[in-house]
């Protein structure tokens, strides 16, 4: 079985189990994307705070949080 998308063995029975497994997989995939974007935005924001402290700037840009 191919696990490229982290879709492992389905332990749920029948067609309903298959549908539930796909929904759970899609939810996990979307959650990974959202958390990755939030982590990148937090990293960028912390770098800007550090640079503002380092160079004495009064204004720090907030990151745009856009999903998609």
PDB file of N, CA and C in Angstrom:
ATOM      1  N   UNK A   1       0.844  -1.184   0.000  1.00  0.00           N
ATOM      2  CA  UNK A   1       0.000   0.000   0.000  1.00  0.00           C
ATOM      3  C   UNK A   1       0.889   1.247   0.000  1.00  0.00           C
ATOM      4  N   UNK A   2       0.502   2.227  -0.740  1.00  0.00           N
ATOM      5  CA  UNK A   2       1.280   3.461  -0.873  1.00  0.00           C
ATOM      6  C   UNK A   2       0.871   4.454   0.207  1.00  0.00           C
ATOM      7  N   UNK A   3       1.852   4.986   0.953  1.00  0.00           N
ATOM      8  CA  UNK A   3       1.558   5.925   2.037  1.00  0.00           C
ATOM      9  C   UNK A   3       2.097   7.314   1.744  1.00  0.00           C
ATOM     10  N   UNK A   4       2.102   7.740   0.511  1.00  0.00           N
ATOM     11  CA  UNK A   4       2.625   9.064   0.176  1.00  0.00           C
ATOM     12  C   UNK A   4       1.852  10.171   0.874  1.00  0.00           C
ATOM     13  N   UNK A   5       0.548  10.061   0.930  1.00  0.00           N
ATOM     14  CA  UNK A   5      -0.273  11.096   1.542  1.00  0.00           C
ATOM     15  C   UNK A   5      -0.619  10.801   2.986  1.00  0.00           C
ATOM     16  N   UNK A   6       0.103   9.868   3.599  1.00  0.00           N
ATOM     17  CA  UNK A   6      -0.132   9.453   4.985  1.00  0.00           C
ATOM     18  C   UNK A   6      -1.514   8.843   5.171  1.00  0.00           C
ATOM     19  N   UNK A   7      -2.070   8.318   4.109  1.00  0.00           N
ATOM     20  CA  UNK A   7      -3.355   7.636   4.185  1.00  0.00           C
ATOM     21  C   UNK A   7      -3.039   6.157   4.361  1.00  0.00           C
ATOM     22  N   UNK A   8      -3.030   5.695   5.609  1.00  0.00           N
ATOM     23  CA  UNK A   8      -2.619   4.330   5.890  1.00  0.00           C
ATOM     24  C   UNK A   8      -3.815   3.385   5.815  1.00  0.00           C
ATOM     25  N   UNK A   9      -3.649   2.196   6.348  1.00  0.00           N
ATOM     26  CA  UNK A   9      -4.677   1.170   6.265  1.00  0.00           C
ATOM     27  C   UNK A   9      -5.985   1.639   6.892  1.00  0.00           C
ATOM     28  N   UNK A  10      -7.079   1.285   6.232  1.00  0.00           N
ATOM     29  CA  UNK A  10      -8.409   1.636   6.710  1.00  0.00           C
ATOM     30  C   UNK A  10      -8.927   0.503   7.590  1.00  0.00           C
ATOM     31  N   UNK A  11      -9.117   0.782   8.888  1.00  0.00           N
ATOM     32  CA  UNK A  11      -9.625  -0.224   9.809  1.00  0.00           C
ATOM     33  C   UNK A  11     -11.142  -0.157   9.946  1.00  0.00           C
ATOM     34  N   UNK A  12     -11.774   0.771   9.270  1.00  0.00           N
ATOM     35  CA  UNK A  12     -13.225   0.891   9.321  1.00  0.00           C
ATOM     36  C   UNK A  12     -13.838   0.021   8.230  1.00  0.00           C
ATOM     37  N   UNK A  13     -15.033  -0.510   8.477  1.00  0.00           N
ATOM     38  CA  UNK A  13     -15.608  -1.515   7.598  1.00  0.00           C
ATOM     39  C   UNK A  13     -16.595  -0.913   6.603  1.00  0.00           C
ATOM     40  N   UNK A  14     -16.506  -1.355   5.358  1.00  0.00           N
ATOM     41  CA  UNK A  14     -17.495  -1.031   4.343  1.00  0.00           C
ATOM     42  C   UNK A  14     -17.303   0.324   3.682  1.00  0.00           C
ATOM     43  N   UNK A  15     -18.311   0.681   2.873  1.00  0.00           N
ATOM     44  CA  UNK A  15     -18.250   1.950   2.145  1.00  0.00           C
ATOM     45  C   UNK A  15     -18.325   3.142   3.084  1.00  0.00           C
ATOM     46  N   UNK A  16     -19.115   3.041   4.140  1.00  0.00           N
ATOM     47  CA  UNK A  16     -19.208   4.143   5.105  1.00  0.00           C
ATOM     48  C   UNK A  16     -17.863   4.334   5.795  1.00  0.00           C
ATOM     49  N   UNK A  17     -17.202   3.241   6.120  1.00  0.00           N
ATOM     50  CA  UNK A  17     -15.873   3.327   6.723  1.00  0.00           C
ATOM     51  C   UNK A  17     -14.873   3.982   5.791  1.00  0.00           C
ATOM     52  N   UNK A  18     -14.965   3.661   4.503  1.00  0.00           N
ATOM     53  CA  UNK A  18     -14.083   4.300   3.521  1.00  0.00           C
ATOM     54  C   UNK A  18     -14.323   5.805   3.468  1.00  0.00           C
ATOM     55  N   UNK A  19     -15.597   6.203   3.473  1.00  0.00           N
ATOM     56  CA  UNK A  19     -15.918   7.632   3.430  1.00  0.00           C
ATOM     57  C   UNK A  19     -15.441   8.340   4.694  1.00  0.00           C
ATOM     58  N   UNK A  20     -15.617   7.700   5.848  1.00  0.00           N
ATOM     59  CA  UNK A  20     -15.160   8.301   7.102  1.00  0.00           C
ATOM     60  C   UNK A  20     -13.645   8.443   7.116  1.00  0.00           C
ATOM     61  N   UNK A  21     -12.954   7.445   6.598  1.00  0.00           N
ATOM     62  CA  UNK A  21     -11.497   7.484   6.569  1.00  0.00           C
ATOM     63  C   UNK A  21     -10.994   8.641   5.709  1.00  0.00           C
ATOM     64  N   UNK A  22     -11.624   8.881   4.583  1.00  0.00           N
ATOM     65  CA  UNK A  22     -11.216   9.978   3.707  1.00  0.00           C
ATOM     66  C   UNK A  22     -11.473  11.326   4.376  1.00  0.00           C
ATOM     67  N   UNK A  23     -12.589  11.458   5.073  1.00  0.00           N
ATOM     68  CA  UNK A  23     -12.897  12.720   5.762  1.00  0.00           C
ATOM     69  C   UNK A  23     -11.881  12.990   6.864  1.00  0.00           C
ATOM     70  N   UNK A  24     -11.541  11.963   7.630  1.00  0.00           N
ATOM     71  CA  UNK A  24     -10.546  12.126   8.696  1.00  0.00           C
ATOM     72  C   UNK A  24      -9.190  12.485   8.098  1.00  0.00           C
ATOM     73  N   UNK A  25      -8.812  11.831   7.000  1.00  0.00           N
ATOM     74  CA  UNK A  25      -7.545  12.136   6.336  1.00  0.00           C
ATOM     75  C   UNK A  25      -7.523  13.582   5.845  1.00  0.00           C
ATOM     76  N   UNK A  26      -8.611  14.022   5.202  1.00  0.00           N
ATOM     77  CA  UNK A  26      -8.665  15.388   4.665  1.00  0.00           C
ATOM     78  C   UNK A  26      -8.604  16.416   5.790  1.00  0.00           C
ATOM     79  N   UNK A  27      -9.263  16.134   6.907  1.00  0.00           N
ATOM     80  CA  UNK A  27      -9.211  17.050   8.052  1.00  0.00           C
ATOM     81  C   UNK A  27      -7.795  17.161   8.592  1.00  0.00           C
ATOM     82  N   UNK A  28      -7.116  16.039   8.718  1.00  0.00           N
ATOM     83  CA  UNK A  28      -5.732  16.052   9.190  1.00  0.00           C
ATOM     84  C   UNK A  28      -4.812  16.786   8.236  1.00  0.00           C
ATOM     85  N   UNK A  29      -5.031  16.600   6.948  1.00  0.00           N
ATOM     86  CA  UNK A  29      -4.213  17.282   5.940  1.00  0.00           C
ATOM     87  C   UNK A  29      -4.400  18.797   6.034  1.00  0.00           C
ATOM     88  N   UNK A  30      -5.650  19.237   6.145  1.00  0.00           N
ATOM     89  CA  UNK A  30      -5.921  20.671   6.263  1.00  0.00           C
ATOM     90  C   UNK A  30      -5.345  21.240   7.548  1.00  0.00           C
ATOM     91  N   UNK A  31      -5.425  20.489   8.636  1.00  0.00           N
ATOM     92  CA  UNK A  31      -4.872  20.946   9.908  1.00  0.00           C
ATOM     93  C   UNK A  31      -3.356  21.100   9.814  1.00  0.00           C
ATOM     94  N   UNK A  32      -2.677  20.164   9.144  1.00  0.00           N
ATOM     95  CA  UNK A  32      -1.222  20.286   8.950  1.00  0.00           C
ATOM     96  C   UNK A  32      -0.881  21.537   8.154  1.00  0.00           C
ATOM     97  N   UNK A  33      -1.664  21.847   7.127  1.00  0.00           N
ATOM     98  CA  UNK A  33      -1.412  23.049   6.330  1.00  0.00           C
ATOM     99  C   UNK A  33      -1.607  24.315   7.159  1.00  0.00           C
ATOM    100  N   UNK A  34      -2.667  24.359   7.961  1.00  0.00           N
ATOM    101  CA  UNK A  34      -2.947  25.534   8.791  1.00  0.00           C
ATOM    102  C   UNK A  34      -1.849  25.726   9.827  1.00  0.00           C
ATOM    103  N   UNK A  35      -1.443  24.652  10.503  1.00  0.00           N
ATOM    104  CA  UNK A  35      -0.402  24.758  11.524  1.00  0.00           C
ATOM    105  C   UNK A  35       0.936  25.158  10.920  1.00  0.00           C
ATOM    106  N   UNK A  36       1.220  24.683   9.720  1.00  0.00           N
ATOM    107  CA  UNK A  36       2.456  25.073   9.045  1.00  0.00           C
ATOM    108  C   UNK A  36       2.458  26.564   8.735  1.00  0.00           C
ATOM    109  N   UNK A  37       1.338  27.074   8.250  1.00  0.00           N
ATOM    110  CA  UNK A  37       1.222  28.500   7.940  1.00  0.00           C
ATOM    111  C   UNK A  37       1.337  29.345   9.206  1.00  0.00           C
ATOM    112  N   UNK A  38       0.687  28.920  10.294  1.00  0.00           N
ATOM    113  CA  UNK A  38       0.775  29.656  11.554  1.00  0.00           C
ATOM    114  C   UNK A  38       2.200  29.660  12.099  1.00  0.00           C
ATOM    115  N   UNK A  39       2.892  28.542  11.977  1.00  0.00           N
ATOM    116  CA  UNK A  39       4.274  28.476  12.456  1.00  0.00           C
ATOM    117  C   UNK A  39       5.162  29.418  11.653  1.00  0.00           C
ATOM    118  N   UNK A  40       4.971  29.472  10.342  1.00  0.00           N
ATOM    119  CA  UNK A  40       5.769  30.376   9.508  1.00  0.00           C
ATOM    120  C   UNK A  40       5.475  31.833   9.847  1.00  0.00           C
ATOM    121  N   UNK A  41       4.195  32.173  10.052  1.00  0.00           N
ATOM    122  CA  UNK A  41       3.831  33.545  10.413  1.00  0.00           C
ATOM    123  C   UNK A  41       4.410  33.935  11.766  1.00  0.00           C
ATOM    124  N   UNK A  42       4.374  33.015  12.725  1.00  0.00           N
ATOM    125  CA  UNK A  42       4.936  33.301  14.048  1.00  0.00           C
ATOM    126  C   UNK A  42       6.440  33.510  13.953  1.00  0.00           C
ATOM    127  N   UNK A  43       7.099  32.709  13.140  1.00  0.00           N
ATOM    128  CA  UNK A  43       8.545  32.853  12.951  1.00  0.00           C
ATOM    129  C   UNK A  43       8.869  34.212  12.330  1.00  0.00           C
ATOM    130  N   UNK A  44       8.136  34.589  11.296  1.00  0.00           N
ATOM    131  CA  UNK A  44       8.361  35.884  10.648  1.00  0.00           C
ATOM    132  C   UNK A  44       8.128  37.039  11.620  1.00  0.00           C
ATOM    133  N   UNK A  45       7.083  36.928  12.440  1.00  0.00           N
ATOM    134  CA  UNK A  45       6.769  37.975  13.402  1.00  0.00           C
ATOM    135  C   UNK A  45       7.875  38.107  14.452  1.00  0.00           C
ATOM    136  N   UNK A  46       8.374  36.987  14.941  1.00  0.00           N
ATOM    137  CA  UNK A  46       9.453  37.031  15.932  1.00  0.00           C
ATOM    138  C   UNK A  46      10.740  37.601  15.344  1.00  0.00           C
ATOM    139  N   UNK A  47      11.018  37.302  14.092  1.00  0.00           N
ATOM    140  CA  UNK A  47      12.195  37.881  13.434  1.00  0.00           C
ATOM    141  C   UNK A  47      12.038  39.392  13.335  1.00  0.00           C
ATOM    142  N   UNK A  48      10.847  39.864  13.008  1.00  0.00           N
ATOM    143  CA  UNK A  48      10.630  41.308  12.914  1.00  0.00           C
ATOM    144  C   UNK A  48      10.740  41.986  14.275  1.00  0.00           C
ATOM    145  N   UNK A  49      10.263  41.334  15.322  1.00  0.00           N
ATOM    146  CA  UNK A  49      10.421  41.901  16.666  1.00  0.00           C
ATOM    147  C   UNK A  49      11.899  41.993  17.022  1.00  0.00           C
ATOM    148  N   UNK A  50      12.656  40.954  16.712  1.00  0.00           N
ATOM    149  CA  UNK A  50      14.087  40.959  16.995  1.00  0.00           C
ATOM    150  C   UNK A  50      14.786  42.075  16.222  1.00  0.00           C
ATOM    151  N   UNK A  51      14.452  42.230  14.948  1.00  0.00           N
ATOM    152  CA  UNK A  51      15.078  43.282  14.143  1.00  0.00           C
ATOM    153  C   UNK A  51      14.691  44.664  14.648  1.00  0.00           C
ATOM    154  N   UNK A  52      13.450  44.826  15.093  1.00  0.00           N
ATOM    155  CA  UNK A  52      13.023  46.114  15.640  1.00  0.00           C
ATOM    156  C   UNK A  52      13.794  46.423  16.920  1.00  0.00           C
ATOM    157  N   UNK A  53      13.993  45.419  17.741  1.00  0.00           N
ATOM    158  CA  UNK A  53      14.764  45.614  18.969  1.00  0.00           C
ATOM    159  C   UNK A  53      16.229  45.904  18.640  1.00  0.00           C
ATOM    160  N   UNK A  54      16.741  45.206  17.639  1.00  0.00           N
ATOM    161  CA  UNK A  54      18.146  45.349  17.270  1.00  0.00           C
ATOM    162  C   UNK A  54      18.438  46.728  16.687  1.00  0.00           C
ATOM    163  N   UNK A  55      17.569  47.226  15.832  1.00  0.00           N
ATOM    164  CA  UNK A  55      17.814  48.494  15.153  1.00  0.00           C
ATOM    165  C   UNK A  55      17.026  49.655  15.749  1.00  0.00           C
ATOM    166  N   UNK A  56      16.241  49.428  16.764  1.00  0.00           N
ATOM    167  CA  UNK A  56      15.524  50.496  17.445  1.00  0.00           C
ATOM    168  C   UNK A  56      14.345  51.048  16.673  1.00  0.00           C
ATOM    169  N   UNK A  57      13.734  50.254  15.831  1.00  0.00           N
ATOM    170  CA  UNK A  57      12.553  50.712  15.086  1.00  0.00           C
ATOM    171  C   UNK A  57      11.353  50.770  16.027  1.00  0.00           C
ATOM    172  N   UNK A  58      10.458  51.709  15.744  1.00  0.00           N
ATOM    173  CA  UNK A  58       9.276  51.852  16.583  1.00  0.00           C
ATOM    174  C   UNK A  58       8.087  51.059  16.057  1.00  0.00           C
ATOM    175  N   UNK A  59       8.133  50.665  14.811  1.00  0.00           N
ATOM    176  CA  UNK A  59       6.979  50.018  14.214  1.00  0.00           C
ATOM    177  C   UNK A  59       7.357  48.618  13.731  1.00  0.00           C
ATOM    178  N   UNK A  60       6.534  47.650  14.085  1.00  0.00           N
ATOM    179  CA  UNK A  60       6.735  46.268  13.658  1.00  0.00           C
ATOM    180  C   UNK A  60       5.514  45.850  12.854  1.00  0.00           C
ATOM    181  N   UNK A  61       5.744  45.312  11.648  1.00  0.00           N
ATOM    182  CA  UNK A  61       4.634  44.868  10.817  1.00  0.00           C
ATOM    183  C   UNK A  61       4.084  43.552  11.356  1.00  0.00           C
ATOM    184  N   UNK A  62       2.760  43.445  11.403  1.00  0.00           N
ATOM    185  CA  UNK A  62       2.139  42.195  11.796  1.00  0.00           C
ATOM    186  C   UNK A  62       1.999  41.311  10.567  1.00  0.00           C
ATOM    187  N   UNK A  63       2.152  40.013  10.738  1.00  0.00           N
ATOM    188  CA  UNK A  63       2.017  39.126   9.574  1.00  0.00           C
ATOM    189  C   UNK A  63       0.562  39.007   9.143  1.00  0.00           C
ATOM    190  N   UNK A  64       0.359  38.876   7.839  1.00  0.00           N
ATOM    191  CA  UNK A  64      -0.981  38.620   7.325  1.00  0.00           C
ATOM    192  C   UNK A  64      -1.248  37.136   7.463  1.00  0.00           C
ATOM    193  N   UNK A  65      -2.371  36.805   8.046  1.00  0.00           N
ATOM    194  CA  UNK A  65      -2.737  35.406   8.177  1.00  0.00           C
ATOM    195  C   UNK A  65      -3.801  35.121   7.129  1.00  0.00           C
ATOM    196  N   UNK A  66      -3.371  34.433   6.095  1.00  0.00           N
ATOM    197  CA  UNK A  66      -4.262  34.084   4.992  1.00  0.00           C
ATOM    198  C   UNK A  66      -4.130  32.588   4.774  1.00  0.00           C
ATOM    199  N   UNK A  67      -5.234  31.902   4.821  1.00  0.00           N
ATOM    200  CA  UNK A  67      -5.211  30.461   4.604  1.00  0.00           C
ATOM    201  C   UNK A  67      -5.628  30.176   3.172  1.00  0.00           C
ATOM    202  N   UNK A  68      -4.847  29.318   2.533  1.00  0.00           N
ATOM    203  CA  UNK A  68      -5.237  28.897   1.195  1.00  0.00           C
ATOM    204  C   UNK A  68      -4.223  29.119   0.166  1.00  0.00           C
TER     205      UNK A  68
END
